[in-house]
Protein backbone atom coordinates (compact mmCIF):
# COMPACT_ATOMS: atom_id res chain seq x y z
CA UNK A 1 0.00 0.00 0.00
CA UNK A 2 1.41 3.39 -1.01
CA UNK A 3 2.07 6.09 1.57
CA UNK A 4 -0.70 8.32 0.22
CA UNK A 5 -3.17 5.42 0.54
CA UNK A 6 -2.09 4.88 4.14
CA UNK A 7 -2.50 8.59 4.85
CA UNK A 8 -5.93 8.57 3.18
CA UNK A 9 -7.02 5.65 5.36
CA UNK A 10 -5.72 7.48 8.41
CA UNK A 11 -7.62 10.63 7.39
CA UNK A 12 -10.82 8.60 6.94
CA UNK A 13 -10.48 7.16 10.45
CA UNK A 14 -11.11 10.71 11.74
CA UNK A 15 -7.97 10.85 13.91
CA UNK A 16 -7.59 13.41 16.69
CA UNK A 17 -3.88 13.87 15.89
CA UNK A 18 -3.74 14.41 12.10
CA UNK A 19 -0.94 16.90 11.44
CA UNK A 20 -0.63 19.74 8.95
CA UNK A 21 2.36 18.00 7.34
CA UNK A 22 0.32 14.85 6.79
CA UNK A 23 -2.40 16.96 5.18
CA UNK A 24 0.13 18.63 2.87
CA UNK A 25 1.50 15.20 1.83
CA UNK A 26 -1.90 13.73 1.09
CA UNK A 27 -3.15 16.75 -0.85
CA UNK A 28 0.04 17.08 -2.88
CA UNK A 29 -0.17 13.35 -3.63
CA UNK A 30 -3.58 13.96 -5.21
CA UNK A 31 -2.43 16.91 -7.30
CA UNK A 32 -3.17 19.84 -4.99
CA UNK A 33 -0.74 22.72 -4.69
CA UNK A 34 -0.62 25.20 -1.81
CA UNK A 35 -1.01 28.81 -2.92
CA UNK A 36 0.56 31.74 -1.16
CA UNK A 37 -2.11 34.10 0.14
CA UNK A 38 0.08 37.19 0.36
CA UNK A 39 1.00 39.44 3.25
CA UNK A 40 -2.49 39.75 4.70
CA UNK A 41 -3.41 36.08 4.45
CA UNK A 42 -2.40 35.30 8.01
CA UNK A 43 -2.73 31.60 8.74
CA UNK A 44 -5.18 30.98 5.88
CA UNK A 45 -3.90 28.50 3.29
CA UNK A 46 -5.43 27.49 -0.04
CA UNK A 47 -4.86 24.25 -1.88
CA UNK A 48 -5.84 24.09 -5.57
CA UNK A 49 -5.72 21.22 -8.06
CA UNK A 50 -5.58 21.32 -11.88
CA UNK A 51 -9.40 21.35 -12.05
CA UNK A 52 -9.45 24.53 -9.93
CA UNK A 53 -10.97 22.78 -6.91
CA UNK A 54 -10.05 24.92 -3.89
CA UNK A 55 -9.65 23.78 -0.27
CA UNK A 56 -9.26 26.70 2.13
CA UNK A 57 -8.10 26.07 5.69
CA UNK A 58 -6.46 27.92 8.53
CA UNK A 59 -3.09 26.45 9.39
CA UNK A 60 -3.30 25.39 13.03
CA UNK A 61 -1.07 27.16 15.53
CA UNK A 62 0.65 26.99 17.91
CA UNK A 63 -0.11 23.27 17.70
CA UNK A 64 0.35 21.42 14.43
CA UNK A 65 -2.78 19.27 14.82
CA UNK A 66 -5.85 19.80 12.63
CA UNK A 67 -9.23 20.41 14.25
CA UNK A 68 -11.93 17.76 13.76
CA UNK A 69 -13.99 20.08 11.52
CA UNK A 70 -10.99 20.60 9.24
CA UNK A 71 -10.53 16.85 8.78
CA UNK A 72 -14.24 16.50 7.98
CA UNK A 73 -14.10 19.40 5.50
CA UNK A 74 -11.16 17.87 3.63
CA UNK A 75 -12.86 14.46 3.50
CA UNK A 76 -16.04 16.09 2.16
CA UNK A 77 -14.16 17.85 -0.65
CA UNK A 78 -12.23 14.70 -1.56
CA UNK A 79 -15.52 12.76 -1.71
CA UNK A 80 -17.16 15.44 -3.85
CA UNK A 81 -14.40 15.31 -6.46
CA UNK A 82 -14.27 11.51 -6.54
CA UNK A 83 -10.94 10.81 -4.85
CA UNK A 84 -12.73 9.07 -2.00
CA UNK A 85 -15.35 6.57 -3.09
CA UNK A 86 -18.44 6.05 -0.95
CA UNK A 87 -18.83 2.39 -0.12
PDB file of N, CA and C in Angstrom:
ATOM      1  N   UNK A   1       0.846  -1.175   0.000  1.00  0.00           N
ATOM      2  CA  UNK A   1       0.000   0.000   0.000  1.00  0.00           C
ATOM      3  C   UNK A   1       0.896   1.244   0.000  1.00  0.00           C
ATOM      4  N   UNK A   2       0.606   2.182  -0.890  1.00  0.00           N
ATOM      5  CA  UNK A   2       1.409   3.393  -1.009  1.00  0.00           C
ATOM      6  C   UNK A   2       1.188   4.310   0.194  1.00  0.00           C
ATOM      7  N   UNK A   3       2.146   5.194   0.423  1.00  0.00           N
ATOM      8  CA  UNK A   3       2.065   6.093   1.570  1.00  0.00           C
ATOM      9  C   UNK A   3       0.821   6.979   1.500  1.00  0.00           C
ATOM     10  N   UNK A   4       0.468   7.451   0.288  1.00  0.00           N
ATOM     11  CA  UNK A   4      -0.705   8.322   0.218  1.00  0.00           C
ATOM     12  C   UNK A   4      -1.982   7.545   0.518  1.00  0.00           C
ATOM     13  N   UNK A   5      -2.013   6.244   0.192  1.00  0.00           N
ATOM     14  CA  UNK A   5      -3.169   5.422   0.540  1.00  0.00           C
ATOM     15  C   UNK A   5      -3.261   5.224   2.050  1.00  0.00           C
ATOM     16  N   UNK A   6      -2.112   5.021   2.683  1.00  0.00           N
ATOM     17  CA  UNK A   6      -2.087   4.878   4.140  1.00  0.00           C
ATOM     18  C   UNK A   6      -2.550   6.173   4.805  1.00  0.00           C
ATOM     19  N   UNK A   7      -2.080   7.308   4.288  1.00  0.00           N
ATOM     20  CA  UNK A   7      -2.504   8.591   4.845  1.00  0.00           C
ATOM     21  C   UNK A   7      -3.995   8.817   4.624  1.00  0.00           C
ATOM     22  N   UNK A   8      -4.504   8.422   3.466  1.00  0.00           N
ATOM     23  CA  UNK A   8      -5.926   8.572   3.183  1.00  0.00           C
ATOM     24  C   UNK A   8      -6.753   7.722   4.154  1.00  0.00           C
ATOM     25  N   UNK A   9      -6.318   6.495   4.391  1.00  0.00           N
ATOM     26  CA  UNK A   9      -7.022   5.647   5.357  1.00  0.00           C
ATOM     27  C   UNK A   9      -6.980   6.251   6.751  1.00  0.00           C
ATOM     28  N   UNK A  10      -5.848   6.819   7.098  1.00  0.00           N
ATOM     29  CA  UNK A  10      -5.721   7.481   8.411  1.00  0.00           C
ATOM     30  C   UNK A  10      -6.660   8.682   8.492  1.00  0.00           C
ATOM     31  N   UNK A  11      -6.729   9.467   7.430  1.00  0.00           N
ATOM     32  CA  UNK A  11      -7.621  10.628   7.394  1.00  0.00           C
ATOM     33  C   UNK A  11      -9.073  10.187   7.549  1.00  0.00           C
ATOM     34  N   UNK A  12      -9.445   9.097   6.877  1.00  0.00           N
ATOM     35  CA  UNK A  12     -10.820   8.603   6.935  1.00  0.00           C
ATOM     36  C   UNK A  12     -11.193   8.034   8.304  1.00  0.00           C
ATOM     37  N   UNK A  13     -10.201   7.675   9.105  1.00  0.00           N
ATOM     38  CA  UNK A  13     -10.480   7.159  10.447  1.00  0.00           C
ATOM     39  C   UNK A  13     -10.783   8.284  11.434  1.00  0.00           C
ATOM     40  N   UNK A  14     -10.792   9.529  10.933  1.00  0.00           N
ATOM     41  CA  UNK A  14     -11.106  10.709  11.742  1.00  0.00           C
ATOM     42  C   UNK A  14     -10.209  10.818  12.977  1.00  0.00           C
ATOM     43  N   UNK A  15      -8.886  10.829  12.770  1.00  0.00           N
ATOM     44  CA  UNK A  15      -7.972  10.851  13.910  1.00  0.00           C
ATOM     45  C   UNK A  15      -7.984  12.210  14.620  1.00  0.00           C
ATOM     46  N   UNK A  16      -7.654  12.177  15.890  1.00  0.00           N
ATOM     47  CA  UNK A  16      -7.585  13.408  16.685  1.00  0.00           C
ATOM     48  C   UNK A  16      -6.207  14.049  16.606  1.00  0.00           C
ATOM     49  N   UNK A  17      -5.246  13.372  15.928  1.00  0.00           N
ATOM     50  CA  UNK A  17      -3.875  13.869  15.886  1.00  0.00           C
ATOM     51  C   UNK A  17      -3.326  13.957  14.464  1.00  0.00           C
ATOM     52  N   UNK A  18      -4.194  14.284  13.490  1.00  0.00           N
ATOM     53  CA  UNK A  18      -3.744  14.414  12.102  1.00  0.00           C
ATOM     54  C   UNK A  18      -3.009  15.740  11.954  1.00  0.00           C
ATOM     55  N   UNK A  19      -1.767  15.691  11.469  1.00  0.00           N
ATOM     56  CA  UNK A  19      -0.938  16.899  11.437  1.00  0.00           C
ATOM     57  C   UNK A  19      -1.061  17.648  10.111  1.00  0.00           C
ATOM     58  N   UNK A  20      -0.637  18.894  10.152  1.00  0.00           N
ATOM     59  CA  UNK A  20      -0.633  19.736   8.955  1.00  0.00           C
ATOM     60  C   UNK A  20       0.271  19.140   7.884  1.00  0.00           C
ATOM     61  N   UNK A  21       1.424  18.600   8.300  1.00  0.00           N
ATOM     62  CA  UNK A  21       2.358  18.004   7.340  1.00  0.00           C
ATOM     63  C   UNK A  21       1.745  16.787   6.656  1.00  0.00           C
ATOM     64  N   UNK A  22       0.996  15.992   7.389  1.00  0.00           N
ATOM     65  CA  UNK A  22       0.321  14.847   6.787  1.00  0.00           C
ATOM     66  C   UNK A  22      -0.717  15.326   5.770  1.00  0.00           C
ATOM     67  N   UNK A  23      -1.423  16.397   6.102  1.00  0.00           N
ATOM     68  CA  UNK A  23      -2.403  16.963   5.178  1.00  0.00           C
ATOM     69  C   UNK A  23      -1.724  17.455   3.905  1.00  0.00           C
ATOM     70  N   UNK A  24      -0.601  18.156   4.042  1.00  0.00           N
ATOM     71  CA  UNK A  24       0.130  18.634   2.865  1.00  0.00           C
ATOM     72  C   UNK A  24       0.568  17.463   1.985  1.00  0.00           C
ATOM     73  N   UNK A  25       1.054  16.376   2.597  1.00  0.00           N
ATOM     74  CA  UNK A  25       1.498  15.205   1.831  1.00  0.00           C
ATOM     75  C   UNK A  25       0.346  14.573   1.062  1.00  0.00           C
ATOM     76  N   UNK A  26      -0.776  14.398   1.740  1.00  0.00           N
ATOM     77  CA  UNK A  26      -1.896  13.729   1.086  1.00  0.00           C
ATOM     78  C   UNK A  26      -2.464  14.583  -0.038  1.00  0.00           C
ATOM     79  N   UNK A  27      -2.600  15.887   0.191  1.00  0.00           N
ATOM     80  CA  UNK A  27      -3.154  16.749  -0.852  1.00  0.00           C
ATOM     81  C   UNK A  27      -2.199  16.879  -2.029  1.00  0.00           C
ATOM     82  N   UNK A  28      -0.906  16.998  -1.768  1.00  0.00           N
ATOM     83  CA  UNK A  28       0.040  17.078  -2.884  1.00  0.00           C
ATOM     84  C   UNK A  28       0.075  15.765  -3.657  1.00  0.00           C
ATOM     85  N   UNK A  29      -0.129  14.645  -2.969  1.00  0.00           N
ATOM     86  CA  UNK A  29      -0.175  13.349  -3.627  1.00  0.00           C
ATOM     87  C   UNK A  29      -1.350  13.206  -4.578  1.00  0.00           C
ATOM     88  N   UNK A  30      -2.403  13.981  -4.332  1.00  0.00           N
ATOM     89  CA  UNK A  30      -3.578  13.960  -5.205  1.00  0.00           C
ATOM     90  C   UNK A  30      -3.642  15.185  -6.109  1.00  0.00           C
ATOM     91  N   UNK A  31      -2.508  15.849  -6.307  1.00  0.00           N
ATOM     92  CA  UNK A  31      -2.428  16.913  -7.301  1.00  0.00           C
ATOM     93  C   UNK A  31      -2.766  18.312  -6.817  1.00  0.00           C
ATOM     94  N   UNK A  32      -2.901  18.509  -5.510  1.00  0.00           N
ATOM     95  CA  UNK A  32      -3.175  19.843  -4.986  1.00  0.00           C
ATOM     96  C   UNK A  32      -1.862  20.571  -4.725  1.00  0.00           C
ATOM     97  N   UNK A  33      -1.902  21.867  -4.910  1.00  0.00           N
ATOM     98  CA  UNK A  33      -0.739  22.717  -4.688  1.00  0.00           C
ATOM     99  C   UNK A  33      -1.149  23.837  -3.744  1.00  0.00           C
ATOM    100  N   UNK A  34      -0.299  24.131  -2.749  1.00  0.00           N
ATOM    101  CA  UNK A  34      -0.616  25.203  -1.811  1.00  0.00           C
ATOM    102  C   UNK A  34      -0.264  26.546  -2.441  1.00  0.00           C
ATOM    103  N   UNK A  35      -1.223  27.477  -2.384  1.00  0.00           N
ATOM    104  CA  UNK A  35      -1.010  28.813  -2.920  1.00  0.00           C
ATOM    105  C   UNK A  35      -0.642  29.770  -1.804  1.00  0.00           C
ATOM    106  N   UNK A  36       0.238  30.693  -2.107  1.00  0.00           N
ATOM    107  CA  UNK A  36       0.561  31.744  -1.162  1.00  0.00           C
ATOM    108  C   UNK A  36      -0.586  32.745  -1.149  1.00  0.00           C
ATOM    109  N   UNK A  37      -0.980  33.184   0.039  1.00  0.00           N
ATOM    110  CA  UNK A  37      -2.109  34.102   0.143  1.00  0.00           C
ATOM    111  C   UNK A  37      -1.679  35.556   0.283  1.00  0.00           C
ATOM    112  N   UNK A  38      -0.397  35.819   0.273  1.00  0.00           N
ATOM    113  CA  UNK A  38       0.083  37.190   0.361  1.00  0.00           C
ATOM    114  C   UNK A  38       0.316  37.640   1.791  1.00  0.00           C
ATOM    115  N   UNK A  39       0.647  38.902   1.944  1.00  0.00           N
ATOM    116  CA  UNK A  39       1.000  39.443   3.255  1.00  0.00           C
ATOM    117  C   UNK A  39      -0.157  39.395   4.248  1.00  0.00           C
ATOM    118  N   UNK A  40      -1.366  39.643   3.778  1.00  0.00           N
ATOM    119  CA  UNK A  40      -2.491  39.749   4.699  1.00  0.00           C
ATOM    120  C   UNK A  40      -3.256  38.439   4.868  1.00  0.00           C
ATOM    121  N   UNK A  41      -2.721  37.363   4.372  1.00  0.00           N
ATOM    122  CA  UNK A  41      -3.411  36.078   4.455  1.00  0.00           C
ATOM    123  C   UNK A  41      -3.408  35.466   5.831  1.00  0.00           C
ATOM    124  N   UNK A  42      -2.478  35.871   6.680  1.00  0.00           N
ATOM    125  CA  UNK A  42      -2.404  35.302   8.014  1.00  0.00           C
ATOM    126  C   UNK A  42      -2.139  33.817   7.956  1.00  0.00           C
ATOM    127  N   UNK A  43      -2.929  33.049   8.695  1.00  0.00           N
ATOM    128  CA  UNK A  43      -2.728  31.601   8.737  1.00  0.00           C
ATOM    129  C   UNK A  43      -3.589  30.868   7.708  1.00  0.00           C
ATOM    130  N   UNK A  44      -4.322  31.614   6.888  1.00  0.00           N
ATOM    131  CA  UNK A  44      -5.182  30.983   5.875  1.00  0.00           C
ATOM    132  C   UNK A  44      -4.326  30.415   4.742  1.00  0.00           C
ATOM    133  N   UNK A  45      -4.615  29.163   4.378  1.00  0.00           N
ATOM    134  CA  UNK A  45      -3.901  28.504   3.288  1.00  0.00           C
ATOM    135  C   UNK A  45      -4.916  27.957   2.300  1.00  0.00           C
ATOM    136  N   UNK A  46      -4.566  28.023   1.023  1.00  0.00           N
ATOM    137  CA  UNK A  46      -5.427  27.489  -0.037  1.00  0.00           C
ATOM    138  C   UNK A  46      -4.675  26.420  -0.803  1.00  0.00           C
ATOM    139  N   UNK A  47      -5.375  25.330  -1.064  1.00  0.00           N
ATOM    140  CA  UNK A  47      -4.855  24.247  -1.882  1.00  0.00           C
ATOM    141  C   UNK A  47      -5.730  24.175  -3.131  1.00  0.00           C
ATOM    142  N   UNK A  48      -5.098  24.125  -4.306  1.00  0.00           N
ATOM    143  CA  UNK A  48      -5.836  24.092  -5.568  1.00  0.00           C
ATOM    144  C   UNK A  48      -5.282  22.963  -6.428  1.00  0.00           C
ATOM    145  N   UNK A  49      -6.189  22.248  -7.131  1.00  0.00           N
ATOM    146  CA  UNK A  49      -5.722  21.222  -8.065  1.00  0.00           C
ATOM    147  C   UNK A  49      -5.881  21.720  -9.500  1.00  0.00           C
ATOM    148  N   UNK A  50      -5.550  20.880 -10.478  1.00  0.00           N
ATOM    149  CA  UNK A  50      -5.578  21.317 -11.878  1.00  0.00           C
ATOM    150  C   UNK A  50      -6.989  21.598 -12.374  1.00  0.00           C
ATOM    151  N   UNK A  51      -8.007  21.080 -11.681  1.00  0.00           N
ATOM    152  CA  UNK A  51      -9.399  21.351 -12.046  1.00  0.00           C
ATOM    153  C   UNK A  51      -9.963  22.566 -11.326  1.00  0.00           C
ATOM    154  N   UNK A  52      -9.093  23.307 -10.663  1.00  0.00           N
ATOM    155  CA  UNK A  52      -9.454  24.533  -9.935  1.00  0.00           C
ATOM    156  C   UNK A  52     -10.350  24.272  -8.725  1.00  0.00           C
ATOM    157  N   UNK A  53     -10.283  23.066  -8.165  1.00  0.00           N
ATOM    158  CA  UNK A  53     -10.965  22.780  -6.912  1.00  0.00           C
ATOM    159  C   UNK A  53     -10.122  23.394  -5.798  1.00  0.00           C
ATOM    160  N   UNK A  54     -10.768  24.188  -4.929  1.00  0.00           N
ATOM    161  CA  UNK A  54     -10.047  24.915  -3.886  1.00  0.00           C
ATOM    162  C   UNK A  54     -10.442  24.375  -2.515  1.00  0.00           C
ATOM    163  N   UNK A  55      -9.441  24.123  -1.686  1.00  0.00           N
ATOM    164  CA  UNK A  55      -9.649  23.780  -0.274  1.00  0.00           C
ATOM    165  C   UNK A  55      -8.990  24.898   0.523  1.00  0.00           C
ATOM    166  N   UNK A  56      -9.774  25.605   1.315  1.00  0.00           N
ATOM    167  CA  UNK A  56      -9.258  26.703   2.127  1.00  0.00           C
ATOM    168  C   UNK A  56      -9.323  26.313   3.596  1.00  0.00           C
ATOM    169  N   UNK A  57      -8.192  26.406   4.276  1.00  0.00           N
ATOM    170  CA  UNK A  57      -8.103  26.066   5.690  1.00  0.00           C
ATOM    171  C   UNK A  57      -7.217  27.064   6.411  1.00  0.00           C
ATOM    172  N   UNK A  58      -7.402  27.164   7.710  1.00  0.00           N
ATOM    173  CA  UNK A  58      -6.464  27.922   8.526  1.00  0.00           C
ATOM    174  C   UNK A  58      -5.425  26.942   9.060  1.00  0.00           C
ATOM    175  N   UNK A  59      -4.162  27.296   8.876  1.00  0.00           N
ATOM    176  CA  UNK A  59      -3.086  26.453   9.390  1.00  0.00           C
ATOM    177  C   UNK A  59      -3.129  26.528  10.914  1.00  0.00           C
ATOM    178  N   UNK A  60      -3.190  25.367  11.566  1.00  0.00           N
ATOM    179  CA  UNK A  60      -3.296  25.386  13.029  1.00  0.00           C
ATOM    180  C   UNK A  60      -2.020  25.920  13.677  1.00  0.00           C
ATOM    181  N   UNK A  61      -2.207  26.654  14.760  1.00  0.00           N
ATOM    182  CA  UNK A  61      -1.072  27.158  15.526  1.00  0.00           C
ATOM    183  C   UNK A  61      -1.535  27.425  16.940  1.00  0.00           C
ATOM    184  N   UNK A  62      -0.755  27.360  17.936  1.00  0.00           N
ATOM    185  CA  UNK A  62       0.654  26.986  17.908  1.00  0.00           C
ATOM    186  C   UNK A  62       0.853  25.487  17.718  1.00  0.00           C
ATOM    187  N   UNK A  63      -0.201  24.713  17.923  1.00  0.00           N
ATOM    188  CA  UNK A  63      -0.107  23.273  17.700  1.00  0.00           C
ATOM    189  C   UNK A  63      -0.117  22.999  16.206  1.00  0.00           C
ATOM    190  N   UNK A  64       0.272  21.811  15.829  1.00  0.00           N
ATOM    191  CA  UNK A  64       0.354  21.418  14.426  1.00  0.00           C
ATOM    192  C   UNK A  64      -0.790  20.475  14.045  1.00  0.00           C
ATOM    193  N   UNK A  65      -1.715  20.259  14.976  1.00  0.00           N
ATOM    194  CA  UNK A  65      -2.779  19.271  14.823  1.00  0.00           C
ATOM    195  C   UNK A  65      -4.035  19.932  14.254  1.00  0.00           C
ATOM    196  N   UNK A  66      -4.613  19.284  13.229  1.00  0.00           N
ATOM    197  CA  UNK A  66      -5.849  19.802  12.630  1.00  0.00           C
ATOM    198  C   UNK A  66      -7.028  19.612  13.573  1.00  0.00           C
ATOM    199  N   UNK A  67      -7.976  20.524  13.502  1.00  0.00           N
ATOM    200  CA  UNK A  67      -9.228  20.407  14.250  1.00  0.00           C
ATOM    201  C   UNK A  67     -10.104  19.363  13.556  1.00  0.00           C
ATOM    202  N   UNK A  68     -11.046  18.805  14.300  1.00  0.00           N
ATOM    203  CA  UNK A  68     -11.930  17.758  13.763  1.00  0.00           C
ATOM    204  C   UNK A  68     -12.733  18.285  12.573  1.00  0.00           C
ATOM    205  N   UNK A  69     -13.201  19.542  12.627  1.00  0.00           N
ATOM    206  CA  UNK A  69     -13.992  20.081  11.521  1.00  0.00           C
ATOM    207  C   UNK A  69     -13.148  20.226  10.251  1.00  0.00           C
ATOM    208  N   UNK A  70     -11.856  20.485  10.403  1.00  0.00           N
ATOM    209  CA  UNK A  70     -10.987  20.603   9.240  1.00  0.00           C
ATOM    210  C   UNK A  70     -10.814  19.253   8.553  1.00  0.00           C
ATOM    211  N   UNK A  71     -10.649  18.203   9.340  1.00  0.00           N
ATOM    212  CA  UNK A  71     -10.527  16.854   8.782  1.00  0.00           C
ATOM    213  C   UNK A  71     -11.803  16.510   8.027  1.00  0.00           C
ATOM    214  N   UNK A  72     -12.956  16.800   8.635  1.00  0.00           N
ATOM    215  CA  UNK A  72     -14.237  16.504   7.980  1.00  0.00           C
ATOM    216  C   UNK A  72     -14.402  17.302   6.691  1.00  0.00           C
ATOM    217  N   UNK A  73     -13.996  18.567   6.699  1.00  0.00           N
ATOM    218  CA  UNK A  73     -14.103  19.403   5.500  1.00  0.00           C
ATOM    219  C   UNK A  73     -13.258  18.846   4.358  1.00  0.00           C
ATOM    220  N   UNK A  74     -12.042  18.427   4.658  1.00  0.00           N
ATOM    221  CA  UNK A  74     -11.162  17.873   3.631  1.00  0.00           C
ATOM    222  C   UNK A  74     -11.750  16.578   3.076  1.00  0.00           C
ATOM    223  N   UNK A  75     -12.247  15.714   3.947  1.00  0.00           N
ATOM    224  CA  UNK A  75     -12.859  14.458   3.502  1.00  0.00           C
ATOM    225  C   UNK A  75     -14.057  14.749   2.600  1.00  0.00           C
ATOM    226  N   UNK A  76     -14.878  15.729   2.969  1.00  0.00           N
ATOM    227  CA  UNK A  76     -16.044  16.087   2.160  1.00  0.00           C
ATOM    228  C   UNK A  76     -15.638  16.529   0.761  1.00  0.00           C
ATOM    229  N   UNK A  77     -14.623  17.383   0.663  1.00  0.00           N
ATOM    230  CA  UNK A  77     -14.163  17.848  -0.648  1.00  0.00           C
ATOM    231  C   UNK A  77     -13.615  16.687  -1.462  1.00  0.00           C
ATOM    232  N   UNK A  78     -12.808  15.836  -0.845  1.00  0.00           N
ATOM    233  CA  UNK A  78     -12.228  14.702  -1.561  1.00  0.00           C
ATOM    234  C   UNK A  78     -13.302  13.724  -2.034  1.00  0.00           C
ATOM    235  N   UNK A  79     -14.387  13.595  -1.271  1.00  0.00           N
ATOM    236  CA  UNK A  79     -15.518  12.761  -1.713  1.00  0.00           C
ATOM    237  C   UNK A  79     -16.233  13.417  -2.885  1.00  0.00           C
ATOM    238  N   UNK A  80     -16.432  14.723  -2.797  1.00  0.00           N
ATOM    239  CA  UNK A  80     -17.157  15.438  -3.847  1.00  0.00           C
ATOM    240  C   UNK A  80     -16.452  15.381  -5.200  1.00  0.00           C
ATOM    241  N   UNK A  81     -15.122  15.331  -5.194  1.00  0.00           N
ATOM    242  CA  UNK A  81     -14.398  15.311  -6.463  1.00  0.00           C
ATOM    243  C   UNK A  81     -14.015  13.895  -6.902  1.00  0.00           C
ATOM    244  N   UNK A  82     -14.440  12.889  -6.122  1.00  0.00           N
ATOM    245  CA  UNK A  82     -14.267  11.505  -6.540  1.00  0.00           C
ATOM    246  C   UNK A  82     -12.983  10.818  -6.124  1.00  0.00           C
ATOM    247  N   UNK A  83     -12.167  11.458  -5.315  1.00  0.00           N
ATOM    248  CA  UNK A  83     -10.942  10.807  -4.848  1.00  0.00           C
ATOM    249  C   UNK A  83     -11.285   9.729  -3.824  1.00  0.00           C
ATOM    250  N   UNK A  84     -12.255  10.039  -2.965  1.00  0.00           N
ATOM    251  CA  UNK A  84     -12.731   9.068  -1.998  1.00  0.00           C
ATOM    252  C   UNK A  84     -14.054   8.532  -2.513  1.00  0.00           C
ATOM    253  N   UNK A  85     -14.135   7.227  -2.615  1.00  0.00           N
ATOM    254  CA  UNK A  85     -15.347   6.567  -3.095  1.00  0.00           C
ATOM    255  C   UNK A  85     -16.220   6.183  -1.909  1.00  0.00           C
ATOM    256  N   UNK A  86     -17.508   6.505  -1.974  1.00  0.00           N
ATOM    257  CA  UNK A  86     -18.443   6.054  -0.945  1.00  0.00           C
ATOM    258  C   UNK A  86     -18.692   4.568  -1.130  1.00  0.00           C
ATOM    259  N   UNK A  87     -18.655   3.850  -0.040  1.00  0.00           N
ATOM    260  CA  UNK A  87     -18.830   2.393  -0.124  1.00  0.00           C
ATOM    261  C   UNK A  87     -20.230   1.992   0.218  1.00  0.00           C
TER     262      UNK A  87
END
